[in-house]
Amino acid sequence: MRRAERLFRLVQELRSRGVSRAGDLARHLEVSPRTVYRDIAHLQASGLPIEGEAGIGYLLRPGFDLPNVAFTHDQIAALAAGLSFVERNGDGDLALAAREVRAKLQAGMPQPEARVLADAPYFAVPRPAATPPHAAALRRAIRKRRVVLLSYADGAGLRSDRRLRPLALWTFAEGWMVTGWCELRQDFRTFRLDRIRSLTPTEETFAEEEDKSLALFLARDACHGPQG
């Protein structure tokens, strides 16, 4: 039995049985108790409200139900391709999140669709320097709207220090870029992450301003490349 199918059946067993011991679940799924412990830990880490512990039993919290998720084969192919890319090329936190999304989808899909997602022949090859060291920090700064300080070297090797309101991360054939409002240039600027020599997140937050917003950048400048 493939893992996607096993996870789906495990959730169904927990929904229908109430408190369940790992040994009983293992017999129904025809796996070892150790596999059940590992699968339950994986489902808990993915956000499913499973309570209990080894030796006592496990319970899926009342009120939880699997979503009614239905996808066509082409939609599943798109999910598989996108998840594979992020799993192989995202920073550590983002790659983990992609794996958790895959597990949630497989647990929530009907068994045939879950098997299609598990077996989808779409793979991503890790790119050189695909996970730059500053990607996770920039992602957090974007989410929290925090100003960052960065030291940047342009294509000619000339260095400059910037205060940036980071707005978006981009991926392209050669790596990653960040777009934001540069306080030095008083305009939008896009920087390649592999040219950032140092980056320091600050505690300073910024409010969204229409003339410094991502929406305006997308409408005006999104077709431009790096422009430190």
Protein backbone atom coordinates (compact mmCIF):
# COMPACT_ATOMS: atom_id res chain seq x y z
CA MET A 1 0.00 0.00 0.00
CA ARG A 2 1.37 3.40 -0.98
CA ARG A 3 1.81 5.99 1.74
CA ALA A 4 -0.82 8.37 0.32
CA GLU A 5 -3.42 5.62 0.38
CA ARG A 6 -2.33 4.53 3.85
CA LEU A 7 -2.60 8.06 5.27
CA PHE A 8 -6.06 8.44 3.79
CA ARG A 9 -7.21 5.12 5.25
CA LEU A 10 -5.67 5.98 8.62
CA VAL A 11 -7.69 9.21 8.80
CA GLN A 12 -10.83 7.31 7.81
CA GLU A 13 -10.19 4.72 10.53
CA LEU A 14 -9.72 7.43 13.16
CA ARG A 15 -12.92 9.16 12.05
CA SER A 16 -15.01 6.01 12.33
CA ARG A 17 -13.55 4.25 15.37
CA GLY A 18 -13.21 6.83 18.12
CA VAL A 19 -10.24 6.16 20.42
CA SER A 20 -7.99 3.68 18.63
CA ARG A 21 -4.86 1.90 19.75
CA ALA A 22 -1.90 1.83 17.39
CA GLY A 23 -1.92 -1.97 17.37
CA ASP A 24 -5.55 -2.10 16.20
CA LEU A 25 -4.90 0.50 13.52
CA ALA A 26 -1.81 -1.41 12.41
CA ARG A 27 -3.82 -4.62 11.97
CA HIS A 28 -6.49 -2.88 9.90
CA LEU A 29 -3.89 -1.18 7.72
CA GLU A 30 -1.64 -4.27 7.58
CA VAL A 31 1.43 -2.36 8.73
CA SER A 32 3.56 -2.29 11.87
CA PRO A 33 2.63 -0.19 14.94
CA ARG A 34 5.84 1.76 14.36
CA THR A 35 4.53 2.78 10.94
CA VAL A 36 1.27 3.92 12.53
CA TYR A 37 3.16 6.04 15.08
CA ARG A 38 5.19 7.61 12.29
CA ASP A 39 2.12 8.29 10.14
CA ILE A 40 0.17 9.82 13.03
CA ALA A 41 3.11 12.09 13.87
CA HIS A 42 3.21 13.15 10.21
CA LEU A 43 -0.53 13.92 10.16
CA GLN A 44 -0.28 15.85 13.44
CA ALA A 45 2.61 17.90 12.04
CA SER A 46 0.47 18.61 8.98
CA GLY A 47 -2.25 20.13 11.15
CA LEU A 48 -4.77 17.33 11.63
CA PRO A 49 -6.30 17.48 15.15
CA ILE A 50 -5.27 14.02 16.36
CA GLU A 51 -4.99 13.67 20.14
CA GLY A 52 -3.46 10.90 22.24
CA GLU A 53 -0.15 9.13 22.67
CA ALA A 54 1.53 5.78 22.27
CA GLY A 55 0.24 3.12 24.67
CA ILE A 56 -3.04 4.93 25.33
CA GLY A 57 -4.68 5.47 21.97
CA TYR A 58 -5.47 8.15 19.42
CA LEU A 59 -8.58 10.18 18.71
CA LEU A 60 -9.45 12.46 15.83
CA ARG A 61 -11.00 15.51 17.44
CA PRO A 62 -14.83 15.61 16.96
CA GLY A 63 -16.05 18.00 14.31
CA PHE A 64 -13.13 17.44 11.97
CA ASP A 65 -14.03 16.31 8.51
CA LEU A 66 -12.03 15.83 5.38
CA PRO A 67 -12.72 18.53 2.82
CA ASN A 68 -14.58 17.65 -0.32
CA VAL A 69 -11.59 17.93 -2.61
CA ALA A 70 -12.02 16.99 -6.25
CA PHE A 71 -9.47 17.59 -8.99
CA THR A 72 -9.15 16.62 -12.64
CA HIS A 73 -6.04 14.74 -13.76
CA ASP A 74 -4.64 17.92 -15.33
CA GLN A 75 -5.20 19.82 -12.07
CA ILE A 76 -3.45 17.07 -10.13
CA ALA A 77 -0.57 17.25 -12.61
CA ALA A 78 -0.31 21.00 -12.01
CA LEU A 79 -0.29 20.45 -8.24
CA ALA A 80 2.35 17.74 -8.51
CA ALA A 81 4.61 19.86 -10.72
CA GLY A 82 4.32 22.94 -8.51
CA LEU A 83 4.81 21.06 -5.25
CA SER A 84 7.79 19.19 -6.64
CA PHE A 85 9.46 22.45 -7.65
CA VAL A 86 9.00 24.03 -4.22
CA GLU A 87 10.02 20.84 -2.40
CA ARG A 88 13.32 20.77 -4.31
CA ASN A 89 14.04 24.49 -4.72
CA GLY A 90 12.38 26.33 -1.83
CA ASP A 91 14.16 27.29 1.36
CA GLY A 92 13.89 24.83 4.25
CA ASP A 93 10.64 26.18 5.71
CA LEU A 94 8.98 26.54 2.31
CA ALA A 95 10.04 23.06 1.20
CA LEU A 96 8.64 21.60 4.42
CA ALA A 97 5.38 23.49 3.90
CA ALA A 98 5.10 22.06 0.38
CA ARG A 99 5.54 18.52 1.72
CA GLU A 100 2.86 19.19 4.34
CA VAL A 101 0.50 20.52 1.65
CA ARG A 102 1.08 17.36 -0.36
CA ALA A 103 0.28 15.20 2.69
CA LYS A 104 -2.90 17.17 3.44
CA LEU A 105 -4.07 16.91 -0.15
CA GLN A 106 -3.41 13.20 -0.27
CA ALA A 107 -5.20 12.67 3.04
CA GLY A 108 -8.20 14.71 1.87
CA MET A 109 -8.55 13.33 -1.65
CA PRO A 110 -10.57 10.27 -2.57
CA GLN A 111 -8.29 7.27 -2.86
CA PRO A 112 -8.01 7.17 -6.69
CA GLU A 113 -7.06 10.86 -6.90
CA ALA A 114 -4.61 10.52 -4.01
CA ARG A 115 -2.89 7.70 -5.87
CA VAL A 116 -2.66 9.83 -9.03
CA LEU A 117 -0.98 12.62 -7.04
CA ALA A 118 1.42 10.17 -5.38
CA ASP A 119 2.36 8.59 -8.73
CA ALA A 120 2.39 11.76 -10.88
CA PRO A 121 5.56 11.65 -13.04
CA TYR A 122 6.51 15.30 -12.57
CA PHE A 123 9.83 16.10 -10.96
CA ALA A 124 11.99 19.16 -10.37
CA VAL A 125 15.77 19.15 -10.47
CA PRO A 126 17.44 21.24 -7.75
CA ARG A 127 19.12 24.23 -9.33
CA PRO A 128 22.59 25.42 -8.37
CA ALA A 129 22.26 27.77 -5.40
CA ALA A 130 18.49 27.28 -5.61
CA THR A 131 18.04 28.03 -1.92
CA PRO A 132 19.86 31.30 -1.21
CA PRO A 133 20.59 31.93 2.46
CA HIS A 134 18.45 35.07 2.66
CA ALA A 135 15.25 33.64 1.15
CA ALA A 136 13.62 32.61 4.44
CA ALA A 137 14.47 35.91 6.17
CA LEU A 138 13.05 37.90 3.26
CA ARG A 139 9.90 35.79 3.21
CA ARG A 140 9.34 36.53 6.90
CA ALA A 141 10.04 40.24 6.37
CA ILE A 142 7.52 40.36 3.52
CA ARG A 143 4.89 38.64 5.65
CA LYS A 144 5.49 40.90 8.66
CA ARG A 145 6.13 44.06 6.59
CA ARG A 146 9.54 44.64 8.13
CA VAL A 147 12.22 46.87 6.65
CA VAL A 148 15.50 45.08 5.86
CA LEU A 149 19.04 46.42 5.52
CA LEU A 150 21.10 44.85 2.78
CA SER A 151 24.52 45.14 1.24
CA TYR A 152 24.31 44.49 -2.49
CA ALA A 153 26.83 44.02 -5.30
CA ASP A 154 25.58 44.78 -8.80
CA GLY A 155 26.65 43.00 -11.99
CA ALA A 156 29.88 45.02 -12.10
CA GLY A 157 30.70 44.19 -8.50
CA LEU A 158 29.97 47.68 -7.17
CA ARG A 159 28.58 47.50 -3.64
CA SER A 160 25.93 49.66 -2.02
CA ASP A 161 23.91 49.60 1.20
CA ARG A 162 20.13 49.77 0.98
CA ARG A 163 17.07 50.07 3.20
CA LEU A 164 14.36 48.05 1.53
CA ARG A 165 10.66 47.50 2.06
CA PRO A 166 10.51 43.94 0.65
CA LEU A 167 7.33 43.23 -1.31
CA ALA A 168 7.76 40.02 -3.31
CA LEU A 169 10.09 37.14 -4.12
CA TRP A 170 10.57 35.90 -7.68
CA THR A 171 12.12 32.76 -9.08
CA PHE A 172 13.73 32.64 -12.50
CA ALA A 173 16.10 30.39 -14.44
CA GLU A 174 19.21 31.55 -12.59
CA GLY A 175 17.83 31.77 -9.06
CA TRP A 176 15.76 34.16 -6.95
CA MET A 177 15.08 37.91 -6.83
CA VAL A 178 13.41 40.22 -4.33
CA THR A 179 11.43 43.31 -5.27
CA GLY A 180 10.80 46.15 -2.85
CA TRP A 181 10.70 49.87 -2.30
CA CYS A 182 14.28 51.13 -2.03
CA GLU A 183 14.55 54.13 0.27
CA LEU A 184 17.89 55.15 -1.27
CA ARG A 185 16.51 55.35 -4.82
CA GLN A 186 12.97 56.30 -3.74
CA ASP A 187 11.63 53.84 -6.27
CA PHE A 188 10.99 50.15 -6.79
CA ARG A 189 14.09 48.02 -7.18
CA THR A 190 14.65 44.32 -7.83
CA PHE A 191 17.72 42.56 -6.45
CA ARG A 192 19.17 39.14 -7.18
CA LEU A 193 19.48 37.18 -3.96
CA ASP A 194 22.82 35.68 -4.97
CA ARG A 195 24.27 39.20 -5.10
CA ILE A 196 23.16 40.15 -1.59
CA ARG A 197 26.32 40.12 0.50
CA SER A 198 24.57 40.63 3.85
CA LEU A 199 21.01 41.12 5.02
CA THR A 200 19.73 42.32 8.39
CA PRO A 201 16.01 42.28 9.21
CA THR A 202 14.91 45.17 11.43
CA GLU A 203 12.03 45.60 13.85
CA GLU A 204 10.80 48.59 11.84
CA THR A 205 7.47 47.92 10.16
CA PHE A 206 5.97 49.72 7.19
CA ALA A 207 2.38 50.41 6.25
CA GLU A 208 1.10 49.70 2.77
CA GLU A 209 1.14 52.88 0.71
CA GLU A 210 -0.54 52.98 -2.68
CA ASP A 211 2.40 54.66 -4.41
CA LYS A 212 4.85 52.11 -2.92
CA SER A 213 2.70 49.01 -3.26
CA LEU A 214 3.27 45.70 -4.99
CA ALA A 215 0.15 46.32 -7.06
CA LEU A 216 1.67 49.48 -8.52
CA PHE A 217 4.96 47.70 -9.22
CA LEU A 218 3.17 44.87 -11.02
CA ALA A 219 1.21 47.35 -13.12
CA ARG A 220 4.28 49.43 -13.97
CA ASP A 221 7.57 47.57 -13.73
CA ALA A 222 7.06 43.82 -13.38
CA CYS A 223 8.62 43.06 -16.77
CA HIS A 224 11.99 44.53 -15.73
CA GLY A 225 14.92 42.47 -14.48
CA PRO A 226 17.31 43.21 -11.61
CA GLN A 227 17.84 46.96 -11.28
CA GLY A 228 19.75 47.79 -8.13
